[in-house]
Amino acid sequence: MKLTTFLKTIGADNSGATAVEYGLIVSLIVLAMIGAFTNVADSNNGMWNNVSTAYEEAASN
């Protein structure tokens, strides 16, 4: 196979573009998941801080 034929074949191949698109979609989903998990973690920490404060107040009385 000649080099020019090989390069034309590679240039006409669109399968790599599809993989890049799927990679971008997956990365956006992962970023959304990280944001959601961060929000849940902050809420969870706030809840346990409230429990700790309530326990300390109850234990001091």
PDB file of N, CA and C in Angstrom:
ATOM      1  N   MET A   1       0.855  -1.174   0.000  1.00  0.00           N
ATOM      2  CA  MET A   1       0.000   0.000   0.000  1.00  0.00           C
ATOM      3  C   MET A   1       0.901   1.237   0.000  1.00  0.00           C
ATOM      4  N   LYS A   2       0.556   2.183  -0.826  1.00  0.00           N
ATOM      5  CA  LYS A   2       1.342   3.406  -0.905  1.00  0.00           C
ATOM      6  C   LYS A   2       1.026   4.308   0.294  1.00  0.00           C
ATOM      7  N   LEU A   3       1.958   5.164   0.612  1.00  0.00           N
ATOM      8  CA  LEU A   3       1.787   6.081   1.729  1.00  0.00           C
ATOM      9  C   LEU A   3       0.622   7.033   1.497  1.00  0.00           C
ATOM     10  N   THR A   4       0.465   7.529   0.288  1.00  0.00           N
ATOM     11  CA  THR A   4      -0.631   8.462   0.012  1.00  0.00           C
ATOM     12  C   THR A   4      -1.989   7.783   0.155  1.00  0.00           C
ATOM     13  N   THR A   5      -2.087   6.547  -0.284  1.00  0.00           N
ATOM     14  CA  THR A   5      -3.337   5.797  -0.123  1.00  0.00           C
ATOM     15  C   THR A   5      -3.637   5.575   1.357  1.00  0.00           C
ATOM     16  N   PHE A   6      -2.607   5.241   2.112  1.00  0.00           N
ATOM     17  CA  PHE A   6      -2.773   5.016   3.549  1.00  0.00           C
ATOM     18  C   PHE A   6      -3.243   6.285   4.252  1.00  0.00           C
ATOM     19  N   LEU A   7      -2.641   7.421   3.923  1.00  0.00           N
ATOM     20  CA  LEU A   7      -3.018   8.690   4.546  1.00  0.00           C
ATOM     21  C   LEU A   7      -4.434   9.110   4.160  1.00  0.00           C
ATOM     22  N   LYS A   8      -4.829   8.843   2.911  1.00  0.00           N
ATOM     23  CA  LYS A   8      -6.202   9.141   2.499  1.00  0.00           C
ATOM     24  C   LYS A   8      -7.196   8.268   3.261  1.00  0.00           C
ATOM     25  N   THR A   9      -6.844   7.022   3.480  1.00  0.00           N
ATOM     26  CA  THR A   9      -7.707   6.112   4.230  1.00  0.00           C
ATOM     27  C   THR A   9      -7.873   6.584   5.669  1.00  0.00           C
ATOM     28  N   ILE A  10      -6.783   6.996   6.282  1.00  0.00           N
ATOM     29  CA  ILE A  10      -6.845   7.491   7.659  1.00  0.00           C
ATOM     30  C   ILE A  10      -7.648   8.788   7.722  1.00  0.00           C
ATOM     31  N   GLY A  11      -7.465   9.657   6.748  1.00  0.00           N
ATOM     32  CA  GLY A  11      -8.187  10.927   6.723  1.00  0.00           C
ATOM     33  C   GLY A  11      -9.680  10.758   6.543  1.00  0.00           C
ATOM     34  N   ALA A  12     -10.106   9.702   5.856  1.00  0.00           N
ATOM     35  CA  ALA A  12     -11.530   9.464   5.615  1.00  0.00           C
ATOM     36  C   ALA A  12     -12.195   8.697   6.748  1.00  0.00           C
ATOM     37  N   ASP A  13     -11.413   8.171   7.675  1.00  0.00           N
ATOM     38  CA  ASP A  13     -11.958   7.364   8.774  1.00  0.00           C
ATOM     39  C   ASP A  13     -12.577   8.280   9.826  1.00  0.00           C
ATOM     40  N   ASN A  14     -13.871   8.067  10.137  1.00  0.00           N
ATOM     41  CA  ASN A  14     -14.590   8.892  11.109  1.00  0.00           C
ATOM     42  C   ASN A  14     -14.784   8.203  12.451  1.00  0.00           C
ATOM     43  N   SER A  15     -14.286   7.001  12.616  1.00  0.00           N
ATOM     44  CA  SER A  15     -14.533   6.265  13.867  1.00  0.00           C
ATOM     45  C   SER A  15     -13.835   6.920  15.052  1.00  0.00           C
ATOM     46  N   GLY A  16     -12.708   7.564  14.834  1.00  0.00           N
ATOM     47  CA  GLY A  16     -12.019   8.249  15.925  1.00  0.00           C
ATOM     48  C   GLY A  16     -12.813   9.433  16.439  1.00  0.00           C
ATOM     49  N   ALA A  17     -13.522  10.128  15.539  1.00  0.00           N
ATOM     50  CA  ALA A  17     -14.335  11.266  15.941  1.00  0.00           C
ATOM     51  C   ALA A  17     -15.455  10.824  16.880  1.00  0.00           C
ATOM     52  N   THR A  18     -16.036   9.683  16.621  1.00  0.00           N
ATOM     53  CA  THR A  18     -17.093   9.163  17.477  1.00  0.00           C
ATOM     54  C   THR A  18     -16.549   8.847  18.863  1.00  0.00           C
ATOM     55  N   ALA A  19     -15.367   8.288  18.935  1.00  0.00           N
ATOM     56  CA  ALA A  19     -14.766   7.984  20.229  1.00  0.00           C
ATOM     57  C   ALA A  19     -14.497   9.260  21.008  1.00  0.00           C
ATOM     58  N   VAL A  20     -14.058  10.300  20.328  1.00  0.00           N
ATOM     59  CA  VAL A  20     -13.811  11.583  20.996  1.00  0.00           C
ATOM     60  C   VAL A  20     -15.118  12.163  21.510  1.00  0.00           C
ATOM     61  N   GLU A  21     -16.166  12.083  20.725  1.00  0.00           N
ATOM     62  CA  GLU A  21     -17.470  12.596  21.167  1.00  0.00           C
ATOM     63  C   GLU A  21     -17.963  11.844  22.398  1.00  0.00           C
ATOM     64  N   TYR A  22     -17.848  10.534  22.391  1.00  0.00           N
ATOM     65  CA  TYR A  22     -18.252   9.757  23.562  1.00  0.00           C
ATOM     66  C   TYR A  22     -17.391  10.107  24.769  1.00  0.00           C
ATOM     67  N   GLY A  23     -16.114  10.334  24.550  1.00  0.00           N
ATOM     68  CA  GLY A  23     -15.228  10.735  25.640  1.00  0.00           C
ATOM     69  C   GLY A  23     -15.649  12.060  26.244  1.00  0.00           C
ATOM     70  N   LEU A  24     -16.039  13.013  25.411  1.00  0.00           N
ATOM     71  CA  LEU A  24     -16.505  14.306  25.918  1.00  0.00           C
ATOM     72  C   LEU A  24     -17.807  14.167  26.695  1.00  0.00           C
ATOM     73  N   ILE A  25     -18.708  13.349  26.200  1.00  0.00           N
ATOM     74  CA  ILE A  25     -19.972  13.130  26.904  1.00  0.00           C
ATOM     75  C   ILE A  25     -19.722  12.493  28.265  1.00  0.00           C
ATOM     76  N   VAL A  26     -18.862  11.496  28.311  1.00  0.00           N
ATOM     77  CA  VAL A  26     -18.553  10.833  29.581  1.00  0.00           C
ATOM     78  C   VAL A  26     -17.899  11.808  30.550  1.00  0.00           C
ATOM     79  N   SER A  27     -17.012  12.657  30.048  1.00  0.00           N
ATOM     80  CA  SER A  27     -16.352  13.617  30.942  1.00  0.00           C
ATOM     81  C   SER A  27     -17.348  14.615  31.518  1.00  0.00           C
ATOM     82  N   LEU A  28     -18.332  15.042  30.743  1.00  0.00           N
ATOM     83  CA  LEU A  28     -19.360  15.946  31.265  1.00  0.00           C
ATOM     84  C   LEU A  28     -20.222  15.254  32.315  1.00  0.00           C
ATOM     85  N   ILE A  29     -20.531  13.992  32.095  1.00  0.00           N
ATOM     86  CA  ILE A  29     -21.309  13.235  33.080  1.00  0.00           C
ATOM     87  C   ILE A  29     -20.523  13.099  34.373  1.00  0.00           C
ATOM     88  N   VAL A  30     -19.222  12.819  34.270  1.00  0.00           N
ATOM     89  CA  VAL A  30     -18.381  12.681  35.465  1.00  0.00           C
ATOM     90  C   VAL A  30     -18.312  14.003  36.222  1.00  0.00           C
ATOM     91  N   LEU A  31     -18.183  15.116  35.515  1.00  0.00           N
ATOM     92  CA  LEU A  31     -18.158  16.419  36.183  1.00  0.00           C
ATOM     93  C   LEU A  31     -19.469  16.702  36.917  1.00  0.00           C
ATOM     94  N   ALA A  32     -20.587  16.345  36.306  1.00  0.00           N
ATOM     95  CA  ALA A  32     -21.887  16.522  36.963  1.00  0.00           C
ATOM     96  C   ALA A  32     -21.990  15.633  38.197  1.00  0.00           C
ATOM     97  N   MET A  33     -21.476  14.414  38.117  1.00  0.00           N
ATOM     98  CA  MET A  33     -21.507  13.510  39.274  1.00  0.00           C
ATOM     99  C   MET A  33     -20.650  14.049  40.409  1.00  0.00           C
ATOM    100  N   ILE A  34     -19.485  14.593  40.084  1.00  0.00           N
ATOM    101  CA  ILE A  34     -18.618  15.145  41.123  1.00  0.00           C
ATOM    102  C   ILE A  34     -19.308  16.307  41.815  1.00  0.00           C
ATOM    103  N   GLY A  35     -19.959  17.162  41.046  1.00  0.00           N
ATOM    104  CA  GLY A  35     -20.708  18.270  41.645  1.00  0.00           C
ATOM    105  C   GLY A  35     -21.831  17.792  42.548  1.00  0.00           C
ATOM    106  N   ALA A  36     -22.543  16.776  42.113  1.00  0.00           N
ATOM    107  CA  ALA A  36     -23.639  16.237  42.921  1.00  0.00           C
ATOM    108  C   ALA A  36     -23.114  15.583  44.192  1.00  0.00           C
ATOM    109  N   PHE A  37     -22.041  14.812  44.077  1.00  0.00           N
ATOM    110  CA  PHE A  37     -21.470  14.157  45.254  1.00  0.00           C
ATOM    111  C   PHE A  37     -20.927  15.169  46.246  1.00  0.00           C
ATOM    112  N   THR A  38     -20.347  16.256  45.748  1.00  0.00           N
ATOM    113  CA  THR A  38     -19.842  17.305  46.628  1.00  0.00           C
ATOM    114  C   THR A  38     -20.985  17.939  47.401  1.00  0.00           C
ATOM    115  N   ASN A  39     -22.097  18.185  46.724  1.00  0.00           N
ATOM    116  CA  ASN A  39     -23.266  18.769  47.385  1.00  0.00           C
ATOM    117  C   ASN A  39     -23.820  17.831  48.448  1.00  0.00           C
ATOM    118  N   VAL A  40     -23.901  16.556  48.133  1.00  0.00           N
ATOM    119  CA  VAL A  40     -24.399  15.571  49.102  1.00  0.00           C
ATOM    120  C   VAL A  40     -23.450  15.473  50.297  1.00  0.00           C
ATOM    121  N   ALA A  41     -22.151  15.499  50.040  1.00  0.00           N
ATOM    122  CA  ALA A  41     -21.168  15.408  51.122  1.00  0.00           C
ATOM    123  C   ALA A  41     -21.265  16.620  52.041  1.00  0.00           C
ATOM    124  N   ASP A  42     -21.451  17.812  51.466  1.00  0.00           N
ATOM    125  CA  ASP A  42     -21.593  19.009  52.292  1.00  0.00           C
ATOM    126  C   ASP A  42     -22.845  18.936  53.157  1.00  0.00           C
ATOM    127  N   SER A  43     -23.940  18.463  52.572  1.00  0.00           N
ATOM    128  CA  SER A  43     -25.182  18.318  53.338  1.00  0.00           C
ATOM    129  C   SER A  43     -25.011  17.290  54.453  1.00  0.00           C
ATOM    130  N   ASN A  44     -24.329  16.203  54.149  1.00  0.00           N
ATOM    131  CA  ASN A  44     -24.108  15.149  55.129  1.00  0.00           C
ATOM    132  C   ASN A  44     -23.246  15.667  56.288  1.00  0.00           C
ATOM    133  N   ASN A  45     -22.203  16.415  55.971  1.00  0.00           N
ATOM    134  CA  ASN A  45     -21.361  16.980  57.024  1.00  0.00           C
ATOM    135  C   ASN A  45     -22.152  17.950  57.886  1.00  0.00           C
ATOM    136  N   GLY A  46     -22.998  18.755  57.257  1.00  0.00           N
ATOM    137  CA  GLY A  46     -23.829  19.683  58.016  1.00  0.00           C
ATOM    138  C   GLY A  46     -24.775  18.955  58.952  1.00  0.00           C
ATOM    139  N   MET A  47     -25.353  17.864  58.489  1.00  0.00           N
ATOM    140  CA  MET A  47     -26.269  17.094  59.324  1.00  0.00           C
ATOM    141  C   MET A  47     -25.536  16.533  60.544  1.00  0.00           C
ATOM    142  N   TRP A  48     -24.351  15.954  60.335  1.00  0.00           N
ATOM    143  CA  TRP A  48     -23.617  15.365  61.452  1.00  0.00           C
ATOM    144  C   TRP A  48     -23.084  16.440  62.401  1.00  0.00           C
ATOM    145  N   ASN A  49     -22.792  17.627  61.889  1.00  0.00           N
ATOM    146  CA  ASN A  49     -22.416  18.723  62.780  1.00  0.00           C
ATOM    147  C   ASN A  49     -23.584  19.124  63.670  1.00  0.00           C
ATOM    148  N   ASN A  50     -24.795  19.122  63.122  1.00  0.00           N
ATOM    149  CA  ASN A  50     -25.991  19.424  63.927  1.00  0.00           C
ATOM    150  C   ASN A  50     -26.204  18.351  64.988  1.00  0.00           C
ATOM    151  N   VAL A  51     -26.000  17.096  64.625  1.00  0.00           N
ATOM    152  CA  VAL A  51     -26.149  16.001  65.584  1.00  0.00           C
ATOM    153  C   VAL A  51     -25.113  16.139  66.698  1.00  0.00           C
ATOM    154  N   SER A  52     -23.892  16.451  66.337  1.00  0.00           N
ATOM    155  CA  SER A  52     -22.821  16.609  67.327  1.00  0.00           C
ATOM    156  C   SER A  52     -23.112  17.761  68.281  1.00  0.00           C
ATOM    157  N   THR A  53     -23.583  18.874  67.738  1.00  0.00           N
ATOM    158  CA  THR A  53     -23.917  20.025  68.575  1.00  0.00           C
ATOM    159  C   THR A  53     -25.063  19.698  69.527  1.00  0.00           C
ATOM    160  N   ALA A  54     -26.078  19.030  69.018  1.00  0.00           N
ATOM    161  CA  ALA A  54     -27.220  18.667  69.853  1.00  0.00           C
ATOM    162  C   ALA A  54     -26.783  17.696  70.954  1.00  0.00           C
ATOM    163  N   TYR A  55     -25.903  16.754  70.624  1.00  0.00           N
ATOM    164  CA  TYR A  55     -25.424  15.800  71.627  1.00  0.00           C
ATOM    165  C   TYR A  55     -24.603  16.516  72.709  1.00  0.00           C
ATOM    166  N   GLU A  56     -23.726  17.419  72.299  1.00  0.00           N
ATOM    167  CA  GLU A  56     -22.923  18.144  73.283  1.00  0.00           C
ATOM    168  C   GLU A  56     -23.789  18.992  74.206  1.00  0.00           C
ATOM    169  N   GLU A  57     -24.831  19.623  73.661  1.00  0.00           N
ATOM    170  CA  GLU A  57     -25.753  20.419  74.480  1.00  0.00           C
ATOM    171  C   GLU A  57     -26.516  19.523  75.439  1.00  0.00           C
ATOM    172  N   ALA A  58     -26.967  18.368  74.965  1.00  0.00           N
ATOM    173  CA  ALA A  58     -27.709  17.448  75.824  1.00  0.00           C
ATOM    174  C   ALA A  58     -26.799  16.846  76.900  1.00  0.00           C
ATOM    175  N   ALA A  59     -25.568  16.567  76.554  1.00  0.00           N
ATOM    176  CA  ALA A  59     -24.651  15.941  77.505  1.00  0.00           C
ATOM    177  C   ALA A  59     -24.191  16.947  78.575  1.00  0.00           C
ATOM    178  N   SER A  60     -24.175  18.222  78.260  1.00  0.00           N
ATOM    179  CA  SER A  60     -23.730  19.209  79.254  1.00  0.00           C
ATOM    180  C   SER A  60     -24.839  19.554  80.236  1.00  0.00           C
ATOM    181  N   ASN A  61     -26.068  19.217  79.962  1.00  0.00           N
ATOM    182  CA  ASN A  61     -27.175  19.525  80.880  1.00  0.00           C
ATOM    183  C   ASN A  61     -27.388  18.453  81.865  1.00  0.00           C
TER     184      ASN A  61
END
